[in-house]
Protein backbone atom coordinates (compact mmCIF):
# COMPACT_ATOMS: atom_id res chain seq x y z
CA UNK A 1 -0.02 -0.06 -0.03
CA UNK A 2 1.49 3.36 -1.10
CA UNK A 3 1.49 6.69 0.70
CA UNK A 4 -1.52 8.99 0.10
CA UNK A 5 0.18 12.04 -1.34
CA UNK A 6 -0.61 15.53 0.19
CA UNK A 7 -0.22 17.92 -2.63
CA UNK A 8 0.53 21.69 -2.01
CA UNK A 9 1.35 24.76 -4.10
CA UNK A 10 3.64 27.56 -3.35
CA UNK A 11 2.27 30.47 -1.12
CA UNK A 12 3.89 32.92 -3.54
CA UNK A 13 1.47 32.04 -6.36
CA UNK A 14 -2.22 32.05 -6.75
CA UNK A 15 -4.17 28.76 -7.34
CA UNK A 16 -3.47 28.71 -11.08
CA UNK A 17 -0.43 28.14 -13.29
CA UNK A 18 1.78 26.56 -10.65
CA UNK A 19 3.49 23.39 -9.74
CA UNK A 20 2.27 21.26 -6.93
CA UNK A 21 4.58 19.30 -4.55
CA UNK A 22 3.92 16.30 -2.38
CA UNK A 23 6.82 15.80 -0.02
CA UNK A 24 5.16 13.30 2.52
CA UNK A 25 6.51 10.24 0.80
CA UNK A 26 9.66 9.25 2.69
CA UNK A 27 11.22 7.80 -0.44
CA UNK A 28 10.66 10.49 -3.07
CA UNK A 29 9.28 14.07 -3.68
CA UNK A 30 6.53 14.20 -6.35
CA UNK A 31 6.13 17.34 -8.50
CA UNK A 32 3.20 17.97 -11.01
CA UNK A 33 1.57 20.70 -13.05
CA UNK A 34 -1.51 22.22 -11.10
CA UNK A 35 -3.33 22.48 -14.56
CA UNK A 36 -2.83 18.72 -15.31
CA UNK A 37 -3.21 16.95 -12.13
CA UNK A 38 -3.83 13.58 -13.83
CA UNK A 39 -0.77 14.18 -16.07
CA UNK A 40 2.74 13.02 -15.51
CA UNK A 41 4.88 13.65 -12.39
CA UNK A 42 8.55 14.25 -11.88
CA UNK A 43 9.95 12.67 -8.82
CA UNK A 44 13.21 13.52 -6.89
CA UNK A 45 15.05 11.82 -4.12
CA UNK A 46 14.54 13.84 -0.90
CA UNK A 47 18.29 14.79 -0.83
CA UNK A 48 18.12 15.96 -4.48
CA UNK A 49 14.94 18.04 -3.85
CA UNK A 50 16.65 19.60 -0.74
CA UNK A 51 19.59 20.56 -2.76
CA UNK A 52 17.47 21.95 -5.60
CA UNK A 53 15.37 24.07 -3.03
CA UNK A 54 18.57 25.29 -1.23
CA UNK A 55 20.15 26.26 -4.62
CA UNK A 56 17.00 28.22 -5.85
CA UNK A 57 16.88 30.15 -2.50
CA UNK A 58 20.37 31.42 -3.18
CA UNK A 59 19.53 32.76 -6.79
CA UNK A 60 18.88 36.42 -7.04
CA UNK A 61 15.86 37.14 -9.18
């Protein structure tokens, strides 16, 4: 039996045109398009996702 994913969106965006993330699976982080919820997902290892988030926090926009 798999983990029931808890999807969330960024608080910096509205409810449209965003990615959704489910990070309550201990083995991987799931990412999908909020407009295509039944579409494909990208998965990351928790370590890779953490490194990605840390890197994006350091980027000046």
